[in-house]
Every structure is written in structure tokens, then in C-alpha cells.
Amino acid sequence: MSQSGAMTAQWLFHDTAEAEGEYQRQNLKEEKRRLAEEKRKFEKEMRDFRSKKQLEEKRLVQERQLFEMKWKILEEELQKLAKDKQDMEIEKEQYYSQKNTETYTQEPGKRIVRGELFFSGVCNERGLKKRYKDLIKIFHPDNADGDNDTLLEINREYDNLRKVFE
């Protein structure tokens, strides 16, 4: 090969290498751009995921608090029911013990229930006032079922018990 042929070959090799290098640079730039785009997408997905995670954690905390509140209410209501059951048992025992004793005051031609029965199971002043108001509504003489003698008996027993609770 002549010197000019060798130079041409060297020049062609150099041009080919340069073209190959340019092609690789273009491919690397394209690859870099594609990777940068994937990185942005991935970072956006991570932000979205973190945001959803935070929202879900807040929701779980709220649900846990709501559950604890409901559980506390249920426990309190269960305790109230147990106390009410206990009070009913006591009242039932008092009722059966009083049933065996004389429950009525006999007057000529009339049968008046003794006042103690109206207030059985009352254990405080508040309960006494509530029971008294309820009894007045029932036995007031202006009502169809009202009875003046029974109302007097209720008033007498109410006054006695009011003194006890004061």
C-alpha cells in the first residue's frame, strides 16, 4: 500500500472512529435523557406513595381513636347495666319481702295502698323526687285513675322519706 493509500485508510479509520464516537455520544445522551425521565417519574411515584401512606396512617389513627371511644362507651354502659341489674335484684327482694307483710291500709269500704310500697327501692333524694313526681301524675284526683286518699298516703310517705334524706 502506498503512502497515500495508508493515509486514506488512516483517515477513513479516523472518520469511522469519530462517527462511531458521535453515534455512541448520541446514544449515551439519549440514554441519559431516558434515565432522567424515569428518575423524575420514580420520584413523583415516591411522593405520591408517601402522601398516600401519610393519609392512610392518619385514617388508621382516627379509626383507632374512634374504636377506643366506642369501646369505652360500651364498657361504661355494661357497668351501668350491671348496676341496674343489681339494683333490680335488690328492689325485687324488697318487693317480695314486703309482699308477705300487710300491704294495704284498711278503712271502711276503701282499700288504700300503703305509701312505703310507692317508694320502695328509692335510695337517694333525687330518686325520691323523681318517683314522687311520677306518682303525682298517676294518682292526682284530676286524673281518671286519681284517688285522693292514695294521694294523701303518697304525700305522707314522701314527707317522711324527705326528712330521712335531708
N, C-alpha and C. Protein backbone atom coordinates (compact mmCIF):
# COMPACT_ATOMS: atom_id res chain seq x y z
N MET A 1 0.83 -1.15 0.00
CA MET A 1 0.00 0.00 0.00
C MET A 1 0.88 1.23 0.00
N SER A 2 0.45 2.10 -0.78
CA SER A 2 1.23 3.31 -0.89
C SER A 2 0.95 4.20 0.32
N GLN A 3 1.76 5.19 0.36
CA GLN A 3 1.64 6.10 1.49
C GLN A 3 0.32 6.84 1.42
N SER A 4 -0.13 7.22 0.27
CA SER A 4 -1.41 7.91 0.19
C SER A 4 -2.53 6.95 0.50
N GLY A 5 -2.38 5.69 0.13
CA GLY A 5 -3.41 4.71 0.47
C GLY A 5 -3.46 4.48 1.97
N ALA A 6 -2.30 4.51 2.61
CA ALA A 6 -2.24 4.32 4.05
C ALA A 6 -2.83 5.52 4.76
N MET A 7 -2.61 6.67 4.18
CA MET A 7 -3.17 7.87 4.80
C MET A 7 -4.67 7.90 4.63
N THR A 8 -5.10 7.45 3.49
CA THR A 8 -6.54 7.40 3.25
C THR A 8 -7.18 6.41 4.21
N ALA A 9 -6.54 5.28 4.37
CA ALA A 9 -7.07 4.26 5.28
C ALA A 9 -7.09 4.80 6.71
N GLN A 10 -6.01 5.49 7.04
CA GLN A 10 -5.95 6.07 8.39
C GLN A 10 -7.02 7.14 8.54
N TRP A 11 -7.19 7.93 7.51
CA TRP A 11 -8.19 8.97 7.55
C TRP A 11 -9.58 8.37 7.64
N LEU A 12 -9.86 7.32 6.84
CA LEU A 12 -11.15 6.63 6.88
C LEU A 12 -11.38 6.01 8.27
N PHE A 13 -10.31 5.41 8.78
CA PHE A 13 -10.43 4.81 10.12
C PHE A 13 -10.75 5.88 11.16
N HIS A 14 -10.07 6.99 11.02
CA HIS A 14 -10.28 8.11 11.94
C HIS A 14 -11.70 8.65 11.80
N ASP A 15 -12.19 8.82 10.57
CA ASP A 15 -13.57 9.29 10.34
C ASP A 15 -14.58 8.27 10.88
N THR A 16 -14.31 7.02 10.65
CA THR A 16 -15.21 5.97 11.13
C THR A 16 -15.23 5.96 12.66
N ALA A 17 -14.07 6.10 13.25
CA ALA A 17 -13.99 6.11 14.71
C ALA A 17 -14.68 7.34 15.27
N GLU A 18 -14.52 8.45 14.57
CA GLU A 18 -15.16 9.68 15.01
C GLU A 18 -16.68 9.56 14.87
N ALA A 19 -17.14 8.99 13.76
CA ALA A 19 -18.59 8.80 13.54
C ALA A 19 -19.13 7.82 14.58
N GLU A 20 -18.34 6.78 14.82
CA GLU A 20 -18.75 5.80 15.84
C GLU A 20 -18.83 6.47 17.21
N GLY A 21 -17.88 7.31 17.53
CA GLY A 21 -17.87 8.03 18.81
C GLY A 21 -19.06 8.97 18.91
N GLU A 22 -19.36 9.67 17.81
CA GLU A 22 -20.51 10.57 17.79
C GLU A 22 -21.80 9.77 18.00
N TYR A 23 -21.89 8.63 17.33
CA TYR A 23 -23.07 7.76 17.46
C TYR A 23 -23.22 7.31 18.92
N GLN A 24 -22.13 6.93 19.54
CA GLN A 24 -22.17 6.48 20.93
C GLN A 24 -22.52 7.64 21.87
N ARG A 25 -21.99 8.85 21.57
CA ARG A 25 -22.34 10.02 22.38
C ARG A 25 -23.84 10.30 22.29
N GLN A 26 -24.41 10.19 21.08
CA GLN A 26 -25.84 10.41 20.89
C GLN A 26 -26.64 9.35 21.66
N ASN A 27 -26.19 8.13 21.58
CA ASN A 27 -26.87 7.05 22.32
C ASN A 27 -26.77 7.28 23.83
N LEU A 28 -25.62 7.72 24.28
CA LEU A 28 -25.44 7.99 25.72
C LEU A 28 -26.29 9.17 26.16
N LYS A 29 -26.37 10.23 25.31
CA LYS A 29 -27.24 11.37 25.65
C LYS A 29 -28.69 10.91 25.72
N GLU A 30 -29.11 10.11 24.75
CA GLU A 30 -30.50 9.59 24.74
C GLU A 30 -30.76 8.72 25.97
N GLU A 31 -29.80 7.89 26.29
CA GLU A 31 -29.93 7.03 27.47
C GLU A 31 -29.98 7.87 28.75
N LYS A 32 -29.16 8.91 28.81
CA LYS A 32 -29.14 9.81 29.97
C LYS A 32 -30.48 10.53 30.11
N ARG A 33 -31.05 11.01 28.96
CA ARG A 33 -32.35 11.68 28.98
C ARG A 33 -33.45 10.72 29.44
N ARG A 34 -33.41 9.49 28.91
CA ARG A 34 -34.41 8.48 29.29
C ARG A 34 -34.30 8.14 30.79
N LEU A 35 -33.08 8.00 31.28
CA LEU A 35 -32.89 7.71 32.71
C LEU A 35 -33.34 8.88 33.58
N ALA A 36 -33.08 10.11 33.15
CA ALA A 36 -33.52 11.28 33.90
C ALA A 36 -35.06 11.32 33.95
N GLU A 37 -35.71 10.99 32.83
CA GLU A 37 -37.18 10.95 32.78
C GLU A 37 -37.71 9.87 33.73
N GLU A 38 -37.11 8.70 33.72
CA GLU A 38 -37.51 7.62 34.62
C GLU A 38 -37.31 8.01 36.08
N LYS A 39 -36.20 8.72 36.33
CA LYS A 39 -35.92 9.19 37.69
C LYS A 39 -37.02 10.15 38.16
N ARG A 40 -37.43 11.10 37.28
CA ARG A 40 -38.50 12.04 37.65
C ARG A 40 -39.81 11.29 37.92
N LYS A 41 -40.12 10.32 37.05
CA LYS A 41 -41.35 9.53 37.25
C LYS A 41 -41.29 8.77 38.57
N PHE A 42 -40.13 8.17 38.83
CA PHE A 42 -39.98 7.40 40.07
C PHE A 42 -40.10 8.30 41.29
N GLU A 43 -39.47 9.48 41.26
CA GLU A 43 -39.56 10.41 42.38
C GLU A 43 -40.99 10.88 42.60
N LYS A 44 -41.72 11.11 41.49
CA LYS A 44 -43.13 11.51 41.60
C LYS A 44 -43.95 10.37 42.23
N GLU A 45 -43.70 9.13 41.80
CA GLU A 45 -44.39 7.98 42.38
C GLU A 45 -44.08 7.86 43.87
N MET A 46 -42.83 8.11 44.23
CA MET A 46 -42.45 8.04 45.65
C MET A 46 -43.18 9.11 46.46
N ARG A 47 -43.27 10.35 45.94
CA ARG A 47 -44.00 11.42 46.64
C ARG A 47 -45.47 11.04 46.80
N ASP A 48 -46.07 10.53 45.71
CA ASP A 48 -47.47 10.11 45.77
C ASP A 48 -47.66 9.00 46.79
N PHE A 49 -46.74 8.05 46.79
CA PHE A 49 -46.83 6.94 47.74
C PHE A 49 -46.71 7.43 49.17
N ARG A 50 -45.76 8.32 49.43
CA ARG A 50 -45.59 8.86 50.79
C ARG A 50 -46.83 9.63 51.23
N SER A 51 -47.40 10.39 50.30
CA SER A 51 -48.61 11.14 50.61
C SER A 51 -49.76 10.19 50.96
N LYS A 52 -49.94 9.16 50.15
CA LYS A 52 -51.00 8.18 50.43
C LYS A 52 -50.74 7.46 51.74
N LYS A 53 -49.47 7.16 52.00
CA LYS A 53 -49.11 6.48 53.25
C LYS A 53 -49.45 7.36 54.45
N GLN A 54 -49.13 8.64 54.38
CA GLN A 54 -49.44 9.56 55.48
C GLN A 54 -50.94 9.65 55.70
N LEU A 55 -51.70 9.77 54.61
CA LEU A 55 -53.16 9.83 54.73
C LEU A 55 -53.71 8.55 55.36
N GLU A 56 -53.19 7.42 54.95
CA GLU A 56 -53.65 6.14 55.49
C GLU A 56 -53.29 6.02 56.97
N GLU A 57 -52.10 6.48 57.34
CA GLU A 57 -51.71 6.44 58.75
C GLU A 57 -52.62 7.32 59.59
N LYS A 58 -52.97 8.52 59.09
CA LYS A 58 -53.89 9.40 59.81
C LYS A 58 -55.26 8.74 59.95
N ARG A 59 -55.73 8.11 58.87
CA ARG A 59 -57.02 7.44 58.91
C ARG A 59 -57.01 6.31 59.95
N LEU A 60 -55.93 5.55 59.97
CA LEU A 60 -55.83 4.47 60.94
C LEU A 60 -55.81 4.99 62.37
N VAL A 61 -55.12 6.09 62.60
CA VAL A 61 -55.09 6.69 63.95
C VAL A 61 -56.49 7.14 64.35
N GLN A 62 -57.20 7.78 63.42
CA GLN A 62 -58.57 8.23 63.70
C GLN A 62 -59.48 7.04 63.97
N GLU A 63 -59.35 5.98 63.18
CA GLU A 63 -60.17 4.79 63.40
C GLU A 63 -59.87 4.17 64.76
N ARG A 64 -58.60 4.14 65.13
CA ARG A 64 -58.22 3.57 66.42
C ARG A 64 -58.81 4.39 67.56
N GLN A 65 -58.76 5.73 67.43
CA GLN A 65 -59.34 6.60 68.46
C GLN A 65 -60.84 6.40 68.54
N LEU A 66 -61.49 6.32 67.39
CA LEU A 66 -62.94 6.09 67.36
C LEU A 66 -63.29 4.75 68.00
N PHE A 67 -62.52 3.73 67.68
CA PHE A 67 -62.75 2.41 68.27
C PHE A 67 -62.59 2.46 69.78
N GLU A 68 -61.55 3.14 70.25
CA GLU A 68 -61.32 3.23 71.70
C GLU A 68 -62.45 3.99 72.38
N MET A 69 -62.96 5.04 71.73
CA MET A 69 -64.10 5.78 72.30
C MET A 69 -65.33 4.88 72.38
N LYS A 70 -65.60 4.14 71.31
CA LYS A 70 -66.75 3.23 71.30
C LYS A 70 -66.59 2.16 72.37
N TRP A 71 -65.38 1.63 72.49
CA TRP A 71 -65.12 0.59 73.48
C TRP A 71 -65.35 1.13 74.90
N LYS A 72 -64.89 2.35 75.14
CA LYS A 72 -65.06 2.96 76.46
C LYS A 72 -66.55 3.15 76.76
N ILE A 73 -67.31 3.63 75.77
CA ILE A 73 -68.75 3.81 75.96
C ILE A 73 -69.42 2.48 76.25
N LEU A 74 -69.04 1.45 75.51
CA LEU A 74 -69.62 0.12 75.74
C LEU A 74 -69.30 -0.40 77.14
N GLU A 75 -68.06 -0.19 77.58
CA GLU A 75 -67.69 -0.62 78.92
C GLU A 75 -68.51 0.11 79.98
N GLU A 76 -68.66 1.43 79.80
CA GLU A 76 -69.44 2.22 80.76
C GLU A 76 -70.90 1.76 80.78
N GLU A 77 -71.47 1.52 79.60
CA GLU A 77 -72.86 1.07 79.52
C GLU A 77 -73.01 -0.32 80.14
N LEU A 78 -72.04 -1.18 79.94
CA LEU A 78 -72.08 -2.50 80.54
C LEU A 78 -72.04 -2.40 82.07
N GLN A 79 -71.22 -1.49 82.58
CA GLN A 79 -71.17 -1.28 84.02
C GLN A 79 -72.50 -0.75 84.54
N LYS A 80 -73.11 0.17 83.78
CA LYS A 80 -74.41 0.70 84.18
C LYS A 80 -75.46 -0.41 84.19
N LEU A 81 -75.43 -1.25 83.15
CA LEU A 81 -76.40 -2.35 83.09
C LEU A 81 -76.21 -3.31 84.27
N ALA A 82 -74.96 -3.60 84.60
CA ALA A 82 -74.70 -4.48 85.73
C ALA A 82 -75.22 -3.86 87.03
N LYS A 83 -75.00 -2.55 87.19
CA LYS A 83 -75.50 -1.87 88.39
C LYS A 83 -77.03 -1.86 88.40
N ASP A 84 -77.64 -1.58 87.24
CA ASP A 84 -79.10 -1.60 87.16
C ASP A 84 -79.66 -2.98 87.49
N LYS A 85 -78.99 -4.01 87.01
CA LYS A 85 -79.43 -5.38 87.30
C LYS A 85 -79.34 -5.64 88.80
N GLN A 86 -78.25 -5.19 89.39
CA GLN A 86 -78.07 -5.37 90.82
C GLN A 86 -79.16 -4.61 91.59
N ASP A 87 -79.44 -3.38 91.18
CA ASP A 87 -80.49 -2.59 91.82
C ASP A 87 -81.85 -3.26 91.67
N MET A 88 -82.11 -3.81 90.50
CA MET A 88 -83.38 -4.51 90.27
C MET A 88 -83.51 -5.73 91.16
N GLU A 89 -82.43 -6.45 91.36
CA GLU A 89 -82.45 -7.62 92.24
C GLU A 89 -82.76 -7.18 93.67
N ILE A 90 -82.15 -6.10 94.10
CA ILE A 90 -82.40 -5.58 95.45
C ILE A 90 -83.86 -5.17 95.58
N GLU A 91 -84.36 -4.45 94.57
CA GLU A 91 -85.74 -3.99 94.59
C GLU A 91 -86.70 -5.18 94.56
N LYS A 92 -86.35 -6.20 93.81
CA LYS A 92 -87.17 -7.41 93.73
C LYS A 92 -87.24 -8.11 95.10
N GLU A 93 -86.08 -8.20 95.75
CA GLU A 93 -86.04 -8.80 97.09
C GLU A 93 -86.89 -7.99 98.06
N GLN A 94 -86.79 -6.66 97.99
CA GLN A 94 -87.59 -5.81 98.87
C GLN A 94 -89.08 -5.99 98.58
N TYR A 95 -89.41 -6.10 97.32
CA TYR A 95 -90.81 -6.27 96.95
C TYR A 95 -91.36 -7.57 97.52
N TYR A 96 -90.62 -8.67 97.34
CA TYR A 96 -91.11 -9.95 97.85
C TYR A 96 -91.14 -9.99 99.37
N SER A 97 -90.20 -9.29 100.01
CA SER A 97 -90.23 -9.28 101.48
C SER A 97 -91.41 -8.45 101.98
N GLN A 98 -91.76 -7.37 101.26
CA GLN A 98 -92.89 -6.55 101.67
C GLN A 98 -94.22 -7.19 101.28
N LYS A 99 -94.19 -8.04 100.28
CA LYS A 99 -95.41 -8.69 99.83
C LYS A 99 -95.98 -9.57 100.94
N ASN A 100 -95.10 -10.15 101.72
CA ASN A 100 -95.53 -11.03 102.80
C ASN A 100 -96.10 -10.26 103.99
N THR A 101 -95.76 -8.98 104.10
CA THR A 101 -96.31 -8.17 105.18
C THR A 101 -97.60 -7.52 104.71
N GLU A 102 -98.26 -6.86 105.57
CA GLU A 102 -99.52 -6.20 105.19
C GLU A 102 -99.21 -5.05 104.25
N THR A 103 -99.85 -5.06 103.09
CA THR A 103 -99.57 -4.04 102.08
C THR A 103 -100.68 -3.03 101.95
N TYR A 104 -101.75 -3.24 102.57
CA TYR A 104 -102.87 -2.32 102.41
C TYR A 104 -103.34 -1.81 103.76
N THR A 105 -103.81 -0.58 103.77
CA THR A 105 -104.43 0.00 104.94
C THR A 105 -105.93 -0.16 104.75
N GLN A 106 -106.55 -0.77 105.67
CA GLN A 106 -107.99 -0.99 105.54
C GLN A 106 -108.75 0.13 106.23
N GLU A 107 -109.62 0.75 105.48
CA GLU A 107 -110.54 1.72 106.03
C GLU A 107 -111.93 1.24 105.63
N PRO A 108 -112.93 1.71 106.31
CA PRO A 108 -114.27 1.21 105.98
C PRO A 108 -114.61 1.43 104.51
N GLY A 109 -114.73 0.32 103.76
CA GLY A 109 -115.16 0.38 102.37
C GLY A 109 -114.08 0.81 101.39
N LYS A 110 -112.86 1.07 101.84
CA LYS A 110 -111.81 1.51 100.94
C LYS A 110 -110.56 0.68 101.16
N ARG A 111 -109.81 0.58 100.11
CA ARG A 111 -108.55 -0.15 100.17
C ARG A 111 -107.47 0.79 99.62
N ILE A 112 -106.58 1.29 100.46
CA ILE A 112 -105.54 2.24 100.07
C ILE A 112 -104.19 1.55 100.23
N VAL A 113 -103.39 1.60 99.20
CA VAL A 113 -102.06 1.01 99.27
C VAL A 113 -101.20 1.87 100.19
N ARG A 114 -100.41 1.21 101.04
CA ARG A 114 -99.52 1.95 101.93
C ARG A 114 -98.44 2.65 101.14
N GLY A 115 -98.04 3.82 101.61
CA GLY A 115 -97.09 4.67 100.90
C GLY A 115 -95.69 4.09 100.76
N GLU A 116 -95.31 3.17 101.67
CA GLU A 116 -93.96 2.61 101.60
C GLU A 116 -93.74 1.88 100.29
N LEU A 117 -94.77 1.26 99.77
CA LEU A 117 -94.61 0.50 98.53
C LEU A 117 -94.34 1.41 97.33
N PHE A 118 -94.88 2.60 97.37
CA PHE A 118 -94.67 3.51 96.25
C PHE A 118 -93.22 3.95 96.15
N PHE A 119 -92.54 3.97 97.27
CA PHE A 119 -91.17 4.47 97.28
C PHE A 119 -90.15 3.38 97.55
N SER A 120 -90.51 2.11 97.37
CA SER A 120 -89.55 1.03 97.60
C SER A 120 -88.47 1.09 96.54
N GLY A 121 -87.24 0.86 96.94
CA GLY A 121 -86.11 0.90 96.02
C GLY A 121 -85.50 2.28 95.85
N VAL A 122 -86.11 3.32 96.40
CA VAL A 122 -85.56 4.67 96.30
C VAL A 122 -84.45 4.80 97.33
N CYS A 123 -83.27 5.21 96.87
CA CYS A 123 -82.15 5.25 97.79
C CYS A 123 -81.47 6.62 97.89
N ASN A 124 -82.03 7.63 97.23
CA ASN A 124 -81.45 8.97 97.37
C ASN A 124 -82.53 10.02 97.13
N GLU A 125 -82.19 11.26 97.43
CA GLU A 125 -83.17 12.35 97.33
C GLU A 125 -83.62 12.59 95.89
N ARG A 126 -82.71 12.49 94.98
CA ARG A 126 -83.05 12.69 93.56
C ARG A 126 -84.06 11.64 93.08
N GLY A 127 -83.80 10.39 93.42
CA GLY A 127 -84.73 9.31 93.06
C GLY A 127 -86.08 9.49 93.72
N LEU A 128 -86.05 9.99 94.96
CA LEU A 128 -87.29 10.23 95.69
C LEU A 128 -88.14 11.29 95.00
N LYS A 129 -87.52 12.40 94.60
CA LYS A 129 -88.26 13.46 93.92
C LYS A 129 -88.83 12.98 92.59
N LYS A 130 -88.04 12.22 91.84
CA LYS A 130 -88.50 11.72 90.54
C LYS A 130 -89.69 10.79 90.73
N ARG A 131 -89.57 9.86 91.68
CA ARG A 131 -90.67 8.92 91.92
C ARG A 131 -91.93 9.66 92.37
N TYR A 132 -91.74 10.68 93.22
CA TYR A 132 -92.88 11.46 93.71
C TYR A 132 -93.60 12.14 92.56
N LYS A 133 -92.84 12.78 91.67
CA LYS A 133 -93.46 13.46 90.53
C LYS A 133 -94.22 12.48 89.65
N ASP A 134 -93.64 11.31 89.43
CA ASP A 134 -94.31 10.30 88.60
C ASP A 134 -95.61 9.83 89.27
N LEU A 135 -95.56 9.63 90.58
CA LEU A 135 -96.76 9.16 91.30
C LEU A 135 -97.86 10.22 91.31
N ILE A 136 -97.46 11.47 91.44
CA ILE A 136 -98.45 12.56 91.43
C ILE A 136 -99.17 12.59 90.09
N LYS A 137 -98.42 12.41 89.02
CA LYS A 137 -99.03 12.39 87.68
C LYS A 137 -100.06 11.27 87.56
N ILE A 138 -99.80 10.16 88.18
CA ILE A 138 -100.69 9.00 88.07
C ILE A 138 -101.91 9.13 88.98
N PHE A 139 -101.70 9.46 90.25
CA PHE A 139 -102.76 9.38 91.25
C PHE A 139 -103.42 10.71 91.59
N HIS A 140 -103.12 11.75 90.85
CA HIS A 140 -103.75 13.04 91.13
C HIS A 140 -105.26 12.91 90.96
N PRO A 141 -106.05 13.50 91.85
CA PRO A 141 -107.51 13.36 91.78
C PRO A 141 -108.13 13.87 90.47
N ASP A 142 -107.46 14.74 89.77
CA ASP A 142 -108.00 15.23 88.50
C ASP A 142 -107.90 14.19 87.39
N ASN A 143 -107.06 13.19 87.56
CA ASN A 143 -106.93 12.13 86.57
C ASN A 143 -108.08 11.13 86.70
N ALA A 144 -108.28 10.35 85.64
CA ALA A 144 -109.35 9.35 85.67
C ALA A 144 -109.07 8.28 86.73
N ASP A 145 -107.79 7.91 86.89
CA ASP A 145 -107.43 6.90 87.88
C ASP A 145 -107.04 7.52 89.22
N GLY A 146 -107.22 8.81 89.35
CA GLY A 146 -106.79 9.51 90.55
C GLY A 146 -107.60 9.11 91.78
N ASP A 147 -106.94 9.21 92.93
CA ASP A 147 -107.58 8.86 94.19
C ASP A 147 -107.02 9.79 95.26
N ASN A 148 -107.89 10.51 95.93
CA ASN A 148 -107.47 11.49 96.93
C ASN A 148 -106.82 10.82 98.13
N ASP A 149 -107.39 9.71 98.59
CA ASP A 149 -106.83 9.03 99.77
C ASP A 149 -105.44 8.47 99.49
N THR A 150 -105.27 7.90 98.30
CA THR A 150 -103.96 7.37 97.94
C THR A 150 -102.95 8.50 97.81
N LEU A 151 -103.38 9.62 97.26
CA LEU A 151 -102.50 10.77 97.12
C LEU A 151 -102.07 11.28 98.50
N LEU A 152 -102.97 11.28 99.46
CA LEU A 152 -102.61 11.70 100.83
C LEU A 152 -101.58 10.74 101.41
N GLU A 153 -101.75 9.45 101.16
CA GLU A 153 -100.80 8.45 101.66
C GLU A 153 -99.42 8.65 101.00
N ILE A 154 -99.41 8.95 99.71
CA ILE A 154 -98.14 9.20 98.99
C ILE A 154 -97.46 10.45 99.56
N ASN A 155 -98.23 11.51 99.79
CA ASN A 155 -97.66 12.74 100.35
C ASN A 155 -97.10 12.50 101.75
N ARG A 156 -97.82 11.72 102.56
CA ARG A 156 -97.35 11.42 103.91
C ARG A 156 -96.02 10.68 103.86
N GLU A 157 -95.93 9.67 103.03
CA GLU A 157 -94.69 8.89 102.93
C GLU A 157 -93.56 9.71 102.33
N TYR A 158 -93.88 10.56 101.36
CA TYR A 158 -92.87 11.43 100.75
C TYR A 158 -92.27 12.37 101.79
N ASP A 159 -93.12 12.97 102.63
CA ASP A 159 -92.63 13.86 103.67
C ASP A 159 -91.73 13.12 104.65
N ASN A 160 -92.11 11.89 105.00
CA ASN A 160 -91.28 11.09 105.92
C ASN A 160 -89.89 10.78 105.31
N LEU A 161 -89.92 10.36 104.05
CA LEU A 161 -88.66 10.00 103.42
C LEU A 161 -87.79 11.23 103.13
N ARG A 162 -88.42 12.35 102.84
CA ARG A 162 -87.65 13.58 102.58
C ARG A 162 -86.86 13.95 103.84
N LYS A 163 -87.46 13.78 104.99
CA LYS A 163 -86.75 14.07 106.24
C LYS A 163 -85.57 13.14 106.42
N VAL A 164 -85.73 11.89 105.99
CA VAL A 164 -84.65 10.91 106.12
C VAL A 164 -83.45 11.27 105.24
N PHE A 165 -83.74 11.72 104.02
CA PHE A 165 -82.66 12.03 103.07
C PHE A 165 -82.02 13.38 103.30
N GLU A 166 -82.62 14.26 104.08
CA GLU A 166 -82.02 15.58 104.32
C GLU A 166 -80.93 15.54 105.31
